[in-house]
Protein backbone atom coordinates (compact mmCIF):
# COMPACT_ATOMS: atom_id res chain seq x y z
CA MET A 1 -9.59 -30.26 -0.23
CA GLU A 2 -8.91 -27.95 2.69
CA ARG A 3 -7.56 -24.50 1.90
CA LEU A 4 -5.60 -22.19 4.19
CA TYR A 5 -5.69 -18.44 3.55
CA VAL A 6 -2.71 -16.46 4.82
CA VAL A 7 -2.74 -12.66 4.90
CA ASP A 8 0.49 -10.68 5.06
CA GLY A 9 -0.73 -8.18 7.66
CA HIS A 10 2.05 -5.62 7.25
CA GLY A 11 1.71 -5.81 3.49
CA TYR A 12 -1.98 -4.92 3.81
CA ILE A 13 -1.18 -2.08 6.22
CA PHE A 14 1.33 -0.36 3.98
CA ARG A 15 -0.82 -0.93 0.89
CA ALA A 16 -3.71 0.71 2.74
CA HIS A 17 -1.63 3.71 3.80
CA PHE A 18 0.22 4.42 0.59
CA GLY A 19 -2.81 3.52 -1.53
CA LEU A 20 -4.46 6.67 -0.21
CA MET A 21 -1.49 8.68 -1.46
CA ASN A 22 -1.98 7.52 -5.03
CA VAL A 23 -5.71 7.26 -5.52
CA SER A 24 -5.79 8.81 -8.99
CA ARG A 25 -4.19 7.33 -12.06
CA GLY A 26 -0.85 8.85 -12.85
CA GLU A 27 -1.08 11.42 -10.06
CA ARG A 28 0.07 11.57 -6.47
CA ARG A 29 -2.75 13.23 -4.58
CA GLU A 30 -2.91 12.49 -0.91
CA VAL A 31 -6.25 11.63 0.67
CA ARG A 32 -6.27 12.03 4.44
CA LEU A 33 -9.02 10.70 6.67
CA SER A 34 -9.27 11.68 10.30
CA THR A 35 -11.69 11.94 13.18
CA ALA A 36 -13.25 15.21 14.25
CA GLU A 37 -10.40 15.63 16.74
CA GLY A 38 -7.79 15.17 13.99
CA PHE A 39 -6.67 11.61 14.73
CA PRO A 40 -5.63 9.97 11.42
CA THR A 41 -7.75 6.97 10.40
CA GLY A 42 -7.16 6.52 6.67
CA ALA A 43 -4.98 3.40 6.78
CA ILE A 44 -7.25 1.78 9.38
CA TYR A 45 -10.32 2.40 7.27
CA VAL A 46 -8.87 0.99 4.04
CA PHE A 47 -7.30 -1.95 5.92
CA THR A 48 -10.69 -2.74 7.47
CA ARG A 49 -12.49 -2.53 4.15
CA MET A 50 -9.91 -4.83 2.56
CA LEU A 51 -10.45 -7.48 5.23
CA LEU A 52 -14.21 -7.17 5.03
CA ARG A 53 -14.04 -7.53 1.28
CA LEU A 54 -11.88 -10.63 1.61
CA HIS A 55 -14.41 -12.06 4.07
CA ASP A 56 -17.35 -11.49 1.74
CA ASP A 57 -15.59 -12.78 -1.39
CA VAL A 58 -13.85 -15.83 0.10
CA ARG A 59 -15.72 -16.75 3.30
CA PRO A 60 -12.60 -18.47 4.67
CA GLU A 61 -12.80 -21.38 7.03
CA HIS A 62 -9.07 -21.58 7.82
CA ILE A 63 -7.23 -18.28 7.85
CA ALA A 64 -4.35 -16.50 9.60
CA VAL A 65 -3.31 -12.85 9.59
CA VAL A 66 0.44 -12.61 10.17
CA PHE A 67 2.18 -9.51 11.56
CA ASP A 68 5.83 -8.72 12.21
CA ALA A 69 6.74 -8.60 15.88
CA GLY A 70 9.42 -5.94 15.35
CA ARG A 71 13.11 -5.87 14.57
CA LYS A 72 14.36 -6.31 18.12
CA GLY A 73 15.70 -9.80 18.71
CA ASN A 74 15.36 -10.77 15.05
CA PHE A 75 17.88 -13.48 14.22
CA ARG A 76 18.72 -11.75 10.93
CA ASN A 77 19.83 -8.61 12.74
CA ASN A 78 22.04 -10.78 14.93
CA LEU A 79 23.51 -12.34 11.80
CA TYR A 80 24.03 -9.05 9.95
CA SER A 81 23.79 -5.84 11.96
CA GLU A 82 23.08 -3.72 8.86
CA TYR A 83 20.02 -5.76 7.90
CA LYS A 84 17.18 -3.31 7.13
CA ALA A 85 19.23 -0.57 8.79
CA ASN A 86 18.50 1.78 5.89
CA ARG A 87 14.74 1.57 6.34
CA PRO A 88 13.15 4.75 7.69
CA ASP A 89 10.57 4.68 10.44
CA PRO A 90 6.92 4.55 9.30
CA PRO A 91 5.24 7.92 8.72
CA GLU A 92 4.09 9.51 11.95
CA GLU A 93 0.40 9.31 11.12
CA LEU A 94 0.74 5.61 10.26
CA GLY A 95 2.59 4.95 13.52
CA LEU A 96 -0.30 6.45 15.46
CA GLN A 97 -2.70 4.00 13.81
CA MET A 98 -0.62 0.86 14.39
CA PRO A 99 -2.34 -0.39 17.57
CA TYR A 100 -5.73 -0.51 15.85
CA PHE A 101 -4.92 -2.96 13.07
CA ARG A 102 -4.67 -5.97 15.35
CA GLN A 103 -7.73 -4.82 17.29
CA ILE A 104 -9.74 -4.90 14.06
CA VAL A 105 -8.57 -8.44 13.25
CA ASP A 106 -9.21 -9.60 16.82
CA ALA A 107 -12.74 -8.18 16.69
CA MET A 108 -13.32 -10.13 13.47
CA ASN A 109 -12.23 -13.25 15.39
CA TRP A 110 -9.59 -14.18 12.84
CA PRO A 111 -6.42 -15.87 14.18
CA VAL A 112 -3.43 -13.55 14.50
CA LEU A 113 0.17 -14.81 14.44
CA CYS A 114 2.96 -12.53 15.60
CA GLU A 115 6.09 -14.39 16.68
CA PRO A 116 9.09 -12.62 18.26
CA GLY A 117 12.58 -13.34 16.96
CA VAL A 118 11.41 -14.07 13.42
CA GLU A 119 9.68 -12.17 10.64
CA ALA A 120 6.21 -12.60 9.23
CA ASP A 121 7.75 -14.25 6.15
CA ASP A 122 9.18 -17.04 8.32
CA VAL A 123 5.78 -17.63 9.93
CA ILE A 124 4.12 -17.78 6.51
CA ALA A 125 6.77 -20.20 5.24
CA THR A 126 6.18 -22.48 8.22
CA LEU A 127 2.42 -22.43 7.63
CA VAL A 128 3.00 -23.36 3.99
CA GLU A 129 5.22 -26.29 4.96
CA ARG A 130 2.68 -27.62 7.43
CA ALA A 131 -0.22 -27.24 5.02
CA ARG A 132 1.72 -28.99 2.26
CA ALA A 133 2.46 -31.89 4.59
CA ARG A 134 -1.28 -32.21 5.24
CA GLY A 135 -2.19 -32.01 1.56
CA TRP A 136 -3.91 -28.61 1.92
CA GLU A 137 -3.94 -25.81 -0.61
CA VAL A 138 -2.48 -22.47 0.49
CA VAL A 139 -3.36 -19.00 -0.77
CA ILE A 140 -1.01 -16.19 0.29
CA TYR A 141 -2.25 -12.61 0.02
CA SER A 142 0.91 -10.59 -0.42
CA ALA A 143 3.15 -8.92 -2.99
CA ASP A 144 6.44 -9.61 -1.16
CA LYS A 145 9.01 -10.99 -3.57
CA ASP A 146 10.70 -12.92 -0.76
CA LEU A 147 7.58 -15.06 -0.42
CA MET A 148 7.60 -16.05 -4.09
CA GLN A 149 10.09 -18.81 -3.29
CA LEU A 150 7.18 -20.61 -1.59
CA ILE A 151 5.07 -20.89 -4.77
CA GLY A 152 4.66 -24.41 -5.99
CA PRO A 153 2.10 -27.20 -6.35
CA GLY A 154 -0.93 -26.27 -4.28
CA VAL A 155 0.55 -22.91 -3.20
CA THR A 156 -0.43 -19.71 -4.96
CA MET A 157 0.21 -16.08 -4.15
CA ILE A 158 -2.06 -13.17 -4.96
CA ASP A 159 -1.28 -9.49 -5.28
CA ALA A 160 -4.84 -8.36 -4.65
CA LEU A 161 -4.14 -4.70 -5.47
CA ARG A 162 -3.01 -5.46 -9.01
CA GLN A 163 -5.26 -8.50 -9.40
CA THR A 164 -2.23 -10.69 -10.17
CA LEU A 165 -2.11 -14.39 -9.49
CA PHE A 166 1.50 -15.52 -9.10
CA THR A 167 2.14 -19.01 -10.40
CA ARG A 168 5.40 -20.63 -11.43
CA GLU A 169 5.09 -19.08 -14.88
CA GLU A 170 4.67 -15.58 -13.42
CA VAL A 171 7.68 -16.05 -11.15
CA GLU A 172 9.83 -17.14 -14.08
CA LYS A 173 8.65 -14.12 -16.03
CA LYS A 174 9.53 -11.79 -13.16
CA PHE A 175 12.91 -13.20 -12.09
CA GLY A 176 14.02 -15.35 -15.01
CA VAL A 177 14.24 -18.37 -12.69
CA GLY A 178 11.79 -20.70 -10.96
CA PRO A 179 10.55 -20.34 -7.38
CA GLU A 180 13.11 -22.85 -6.09
CA GLN A 181 15.93 -20.54 -7.31
CA VAL A 182 14.50 -17.24 -6.09
CA ALA A 183 16.54 -17.33 -2.86
CA ASP A 184 19.79 -17.88 -4.82
CA TRP A 185 18.78 -15.10 -7.21
CA LEU A 186 18.17 -12.68 -4.32
CA ALA A 187 21.51 -13.60 -2.75
CA LEU A 188 23.35 -12.78 -5.97
CA VAL A 189 21.49 -9.57 -6.80
CA GLY A 190 21.01 -8.30 -3.25
CA ASP A 191 18.14 -6.13 -2.08
CA THR A 192 18.45 -2.42 -1.38
CA THR A 193 15.12 -2.40 0.45
CA ASP A 194 16.32 -4.88 3.08
CA ASN A 195 19.97 -3.82 2.76
CA ILE A 196 21.10 -7.26 1.61
CA PRO A 197 24.59 -6.85 0.07
CA GLY A 198 24.72 -9.36 -2.80
CA ILE A 199 27.49 -9.10 -5.42
CA PRO A 200 28.27 -5.55 -6.60
CA GLY A 201 27.49 -5.15 -10.29
CA VAL A 202 25.38 -8.31 -10.66
CA GLY A 203 21.87 -7.55 -11.86
CA GLY A 204 18.79 -9.64 -12.40
CA LYS A 205 19.62 -10.82 -15.91
CA THR A 206 23.18 -11.78 -15.02
CA ALA A 207 22.01 -13.69 -11.94
CA ALA A 208 19.32 -15.50 -13.94
CA GLY A 209 21.87 -16.47 -16.61
CA LEU A 210 24.33 -17.82 -14.04
CA LEU A 211 21.66 -19.87 -12.29
CA LYS A 212 20.36 -21.27 -15.56
CA GLU A 213 23.84 -22.36 -16.54
CA TYR A 214 25.04 -23.71 -13.20
CA GLY A 215 21.77 -24.59 -11.47
CA SER A 216 22.46 -23.37 -7.94
CA LEU A 217 24.54 -21.01 -5.84
CA GLU A 218 26.46 -23.94 -4.34
CA ARG A 219 27.69 -25.03 -7.74
CA LEU A 220 28.60 -21.46 -8.65
CA ILE A 221 30.81 -21.31 -5.56
CA ALA A 222 32.37 -24.67 -6.44
CA GLU A 223 33.00 -23.81 -10.12
CA ASN A 224 34.03 -20.15 -9.55
CA PRO A 225 33.20 -19.00 -13.09
CA ILE A 226 34.21 -15.69 -14.64
CA VAL A 227 31.39 -13.15 -14.46
CA PRO A 228 31.70 -10.53 -17.21
CA ARG A 229 31.20 -6.78 -16.80
CA ILE A 230 31.85 -6.60 -13.05
CA LYS A 231 34.86 -5.32 -11.13
CA VAL A 232 35.92 -8.66 -9.65
CA ARG A 233 35.77 -11.12 -12.53
CA GLN A 234 35.70 -14.20 -10.29
CA PRO A 235 33.67 -13.09 -7.27
CA PHE A 236 33.11 -16.63 -5.97
CA GLY A 237 36.84 -16.99 -5.39
CA ASP A 238 37.31 -13.69 -3.60
CA PRO A 239 37.21 -14.26 0.20
CA GLU A 240 35.48 -10.97 0.98
CA LEU A 241 32.82 -11.30 -1.72
CA LEU A 242 32.31 -14.96 -0.91
CA GLU A 243 31.51 -14.02 2.68
CA ARG A 244 29.02 -11.40 1.43
CA ILE A 245 27.34 -14.00 -0.77
CA LYS A 246 27.02 -16.52 2.06
CA VAL A 247 25.58 -13.91 4.43
CA SER A 248 23.15 -12.73 1.77
CA ARG A 249 21.99 -16.30 1.18
CA GLN A 250 21.31 -16.81 4.89
CA LEU A 251 19.36 -13.53 5.08
CA VAL A 252 16.99 -14.42 2.23
CA GLU A 253 16.43 -18.00 3.37
CA LEU A 254 13.03 -18.40 5.04
CA LYS A 255 12.75 -20.39 8.26
CA ARG A 256 10.21 -23.16 7.94
CA ASP A 257 10.29 -24.56 11.47
CA VAL A 258 8.86 -21.74 13.60
CA VAL A 259 6.93 -23.00 16.62
CA LEU A 260 3.27 -22.29 15.80
CA PRO A 261 -0.18 -23.56 16.77
CA ASP A 262 -1.59 -26.43 14.76
CA ILE A 263 -3.14 -25.28 11.50
CA ASP A 264 -6.40 -27.01 12.45
CA THR A 265 -6.88 -24.32 15.11
CA LEU A 266 -6.63 -21.43 12.62
CA LEU A 267 -10.38 -21.09 12.24
CA ALA A 268 -12.41 -18.01 11.32
CA LYS A 269 -15.02 -17.61 14.05
CA PRO A 270 -18.12 -15.38 14.17
CA TRP A 271 -17.38 -11.70 14.53
CA ASN A 272 -17.42 -9.94 17.88
CA THR A 273 -20.01 -7.42 16.73
CA GLU A 274 -19.91 -5.36 19.93
CA ALA A 275 -16.14 -4.92 19.73
CA LEU A 276 -16.29 -4.03 16.03
CA LEU A 277 -19.08 -1.54 16.66
CA ALA A 278 -17.12 0.11 19.47
CA LEU A 279 -14.04 0.44 17.26
CA PHE A 280 -16.03 1.83 14.32
CA GLN A 281 -17.69 4.37 16.59
CA GLU A 282 -14.40 5.41 18.18
CA LEU A 283 -12.82 5.86 14.76
CA GLU A 284 -15.96 7.56 13.39
CA PHE A 285 -16.53 5.06 10.58
CA GLN A 286 -20.20 5.97 10.40
CA LEU A 287 -20.76 4.13 7.13
CA LEU A 288 -19.54 0.88 8.65
CA VAL A 289 -21.42 1.57 11.90
CA ASP A 290 -24.69 1.86 10.00
CA LYS A 291 -24.08 -1.34 8.08
CA LEU A 292 -23.07 -3.24 11.19
CA GLN A 293 -26.09 -2.03 13.15
CA THR A 294 -28.52 -2.91 10.38
CA GLY A 295 -26.90 -6.30 9.91
CA ALA A 296 -26.28 -5.69 6.21
CA GLN A 297 -23.52 -7.46 4.38
CA MET A 298 -20.39 -5.39 4.73
CA SER A 299 -19.50 -5.67 1.07
CA GLY A 300 -22.78 -3.98 0.27
CA VAL A 301 -21.06 -0.67 0.94
CA GLN A 302 -20.73 0.02 -2.76
CA LYS A 303 -20.61 3.80 -2.87
CA SER A 304 -17.59 4.52 -0.74
CA LYS A 305 -15.09 6.79 -2.45
CA VAL A 306 -12.10 5.29 -0.70
CA PRO A 307 -10.04 2.98 -2.94
CA ILE A 308 -10.57 -0.61 -1.85
CA MET A 309 -8.23 -3.46 -2.62
CA PRO A 310 -10.22 -5.96 -4.66
CA VAL A 311 -9.87 -9.55 -3.55
CA ALA A 312 -8.95 -12.33 -5.91
CA THR A 313 -8.95 -16.08 -5.47
CA PRO A 314 -6.95 -18.79 -7.23
CA ASP A 315 -10.14 -19.71 -9.07
CA THR A 316 -10.59 -16.25 -10.56
CA VAL A 317 -8.40 -13.21 -10.44
CA ALA A 318 -10.97 -11.00 -12.10
CA GLY A 319 -12.79 -8.65 -9.79
CA PRO A 320 -14.46 -5.26 -9.60
CA PRO A 321 -12.24 -2.32 -10.53
CA VAL A 322 -10.62 -0.23 -7.85
CA ASP A 323 -12.57 2.94 -7.09
CA THR A 324 -10.01 5.69 -7.53
CA THR A 325 -12.20 8.66 -6.63
CA PRO A 326 -10.63 10.80 -3.90
CA PHE A 327 -12.48 10.81 -0.59
CA ARG A 328 -12.51 13.15 2.36
CA SER A 329 -14.29 12.47 5.61
CA ARG A 330 -16.93 14.85 6.88
CA SER A 331 -14.53 16.31 9.42
CA SER A 332 -11.82 17.03 6.84
CA ARG A 333 -13.94 18.79 4.23
CA ARG A 334 -12.91 22.36 3.74
CA THR A 335 -15.42 25.17 4.08
CA PRO A 336 -15.81 26.90 0.71
CA ALA A 337 -14.17 30.30 0.67
CA PRO A 338 -16.55 33.29 0.44
CA PRO A 339 -16.51 35.27 -2.79
CA ALA A 340 -13.77 37.89 -2.91
CA ARG A 341 -14.66 41.54 -2.70
CA SER A 342 -14.41 43.91 -5.61
CA GLY A 343 -10.95 44.78 -6.73
CA CYS A 344 -9.29 41.43 -5.94
CA GLY A 345 -9.64 40.10 -9.45
CA SER A 346 -11.86 37.18 -8.37
CA ARG A 347 -15.28 38.74 -8.73
CA ALA A 348 -15.16 38.78 -12.50
CA ARG A 349 -14.16 35.15 -12.62
CA ALA A 350 -16.84 34.15 -10.14
CA SER A 351 -19.59 35.94 -12.05
CA ALA A 352 -18.49 34.62 -15.44
CA PRO A 353 -20.74 31.80 -16.75
CA SER A 354 -19.30 28.32 -16.70
CA ALA A 355 -18.44 26.42 -19.85
CA SER A 356 -21.55 24.26 -19.52
CA ASN A 357 -23.79 27.31 -19.09
CA ARG A 358 -22.22 29.00 -22.09
CA SER A 359 -22.83 25.91 -24.18
CA ARG A 360 -26.48 25.80 -23.14
CA SER A 361 -27.12 29.52 -23.65
CA ARG A 362 -28.07 30.78 -27.07
CA SER A 363 -25.23 32.54 -28.82
CA PRO A 364 -25.02 34.19 -32.23
CA SER A 365 -23.79 32.00 -35.00
CA ARG A 366 -20.22 32.12 -36.18
CA VAL A 367 -21.35 34.23 -39.16
CA ASP A 368 -23.11 36.86 -37.01
CA ARG A 369 -20.21 37.36 -34.59
CA PRO A 370 -17.98 40.39 -35.15
CA ARG A 371 -14.65 39.46 -36.65
CA THR A 372 -12.03 40.40 -34.08
CA SER A 373 -8.58 38.94 -34.10
CA ARG A 374 -7.22 37.34 -30.94
CA SER A 375 -4.33 39.77 -30.80
CA ALA A 376 -6.68 42.75 -31.01
CA THR A 377 -8.84 41.33 -28.23
CA ALA A 378 -5.84 40.70 -25.98
CA THR A 379 -4.51 44.21 -26.65
CA SER A 380 -7.87 45.73 -25.75
CA ALA A 381 -7.99 43.75 -22.50
CA ARG A 382 -4.50 44.89 -21.52
CA ARG A 383 -5.41 48.51 -22.18
CA SER A 384 -8.54 48.25 -20.09
CA ARG A 385 -6.51 46.89 -17.20
CA ARG A 386 -4.05 49.76 -17.50
CA ARG A 387 -6.85 52.33 -17.52
CA ARG A 388 -8.44 50.83 -14.43
CA PRO A 389 -8.31 53.39 -11.57
CA ARG A 390 -6.23 52.48 -8.58
CA SER A 391 -9.02 53.59 -6.29
CA HIS A 392 -11.15 50.66 -7.40
CA ARG A 393 -8.88 48.20 -5.62
CA SER A 394 -10.31 47.16 -2.30
CA PRO A 395 -8.11 47.87 0.72
CA SER A 396 -9.17 44.53 2.21
CA CYS A 397 -7.57 42.35 -0.47
CA SER A 398 -4.65 41.33 1.72
CA ARG A 399 -7.01 40.31 4.49
CA ILE A 400 -9.01 38.13 2.13
CA ARG A 401 -5.89 36.41 0.82
CA THR A 402 -4.62 35.80 4.33
CA SER A 403 -7.87 34.28 5.50
CA ALA A 404 -8.12 32.08 2.42
CA SER A 405 -4.64 30.70 2.94
CA ALA A 406 -5.41 30.09 6.60
CA ARG A 407 -8.51 28.15 5.67
CA THR A 408 -6.65 25.85 3.26
CA THR A 409 -3.74 25.16 5.59
CA PRO A 410 -4.17 21.70 7.22
CA SER A 411 -4.78 21.93 10.92
CA SER A 412 -2.11 20.52 13.18
CA ARG A 413 -3.06 17.11 14.51
CA PRO A 414 -2.95 16.47 18.22
CA THR A 415 -0.09 14.38 19.40
CA SER A 416 -0.87 10.96 20.81
CA SER A 417 0.97 8.38 22.85
CA ARG A 418 -0.63 5.58 20.87
CA GLY A 419 2.08 5.54 18.21
CA SER A 420 3.88 2.26 17.57
CA ARG A 421 6.04 0.54 14.97
CA SER A 422 4.14 -2.75 15.07
CA PRO A 423 0.46 -3.68 15.48
CA CYS A 424 1.58 -6.44 17.84
CA ALA A 425 2.69 -3.87 20.42
CA VAL A 426 -0.74 -3.47 22.00
C-alpha cells in the first residue's frame, strides 16, 4: 500500500527554535548557534537535522512539506478579524532565519506546498482526503491539536519530539471525544492560542460531557440544554453566544478542497548536493559539510550535541533518546577568563584542589584528624578575614571585574534584511 508522509513545516520550525531553549531536563537554558559574523543559525541547524533524520529513518517515496503562506488574505481573518490577533511576532532571531527553511527543503528536492489564502492545516486536510480516496495510508508529522480531527482509518499522526503516536484511543484520552468530534469540542471550549472565542466558562470536561450526551454541536443548538456552572445557563439559546459558537465552529473547521497538485507528483527526488553544500557552507555547518563531501550517511552524525528530534513511524514509535547536552558552535564559545590577581578573592579558590583531586590524594584518617568543631573553624576563618591588611587588596580588582563582565556579555548581532514571518516569502 502506498504511504504519503506529510510534514507540518511550521511545526518543525518552532520545535527546532524553542527546543534549543529547553535542552536540559527541567531547566530553561538557551543554546544559541551563530556564524562567525553573528548570524543566528540554531533553528536552521536543528530543522535540517530533523529532516535528515526523517530521510534516513523513513526513506519516503511520497512526501510533502507544508508551510503557512502568511496571515494576509486568510479566509479565517476575513471571517473573524480577531483570529490569531493575540499572537506575537516570531522572535527576531527566528525571523532572520525564515528564508532558509524552504531553501533547505528545496535543496533536498522534497515537494513544498505553500498555498495563499489558506493555512497549512487546510492543505494537510486536503492531502488526507485525496489519499484516503486513493486508498493510501497517511502519516502526519505534527503536534497540532487542530489536525487530530483528521485521525482515522489509515491516517496516523506522530509527535516526533515526544515519540507519541496519536491514534483514536490517544485522541479520546486527550480530549474525551473521538476525532470526528474534535472540531465541535474546540468550538465549545475555544482556543486562546488562536483567539477562538468559544463559550465562556466551558472547559474540556464539560464540552466532552455535552458531546457524549448529545452527539454533536448541531443537536446541542437544537436541544438548548442547561449547562451548569456557567454564567449563561442556556448558552445555545442566547443570540450573542450562539453567534460566537457558530463563528468558532467555522474557524476550527478544516478545508478539504484546496486546489493542489496530484498526490502522485509528490515524490522525493535525489538531493541537489551542490545546493545543500552551498547552504551548509554559508551557514557554517561544518559537520554537515564534511559528511556531505565524504558522501557519508547524514544520520551517521552521532556525536552532535544539539538536541535532535527523533523520528517515529506508525510501525514503531520507539527511537533513540534525544541528546539533551547543550551545544555551542565554535564561534560562540567564550574565551576562558584569566585567573584573577591577588586580593580579588579568586586566587584562593583557583588554587584550591578540586573535589576529585582531594578524593584521590592521601589524607589522614578520620581518627588522626584534629577534632575541630565547625563553628570554631568558621569563627577562625572570619577572624582571619578581619585581620587581613587592606594593603593586600589589589588596586586592579575593579578592572578585572569589568573585563570579565564584558567578556561574558553576548555580542550584539548584526542586523539583516533577510528577516521574514514565513519561509514561503523567499
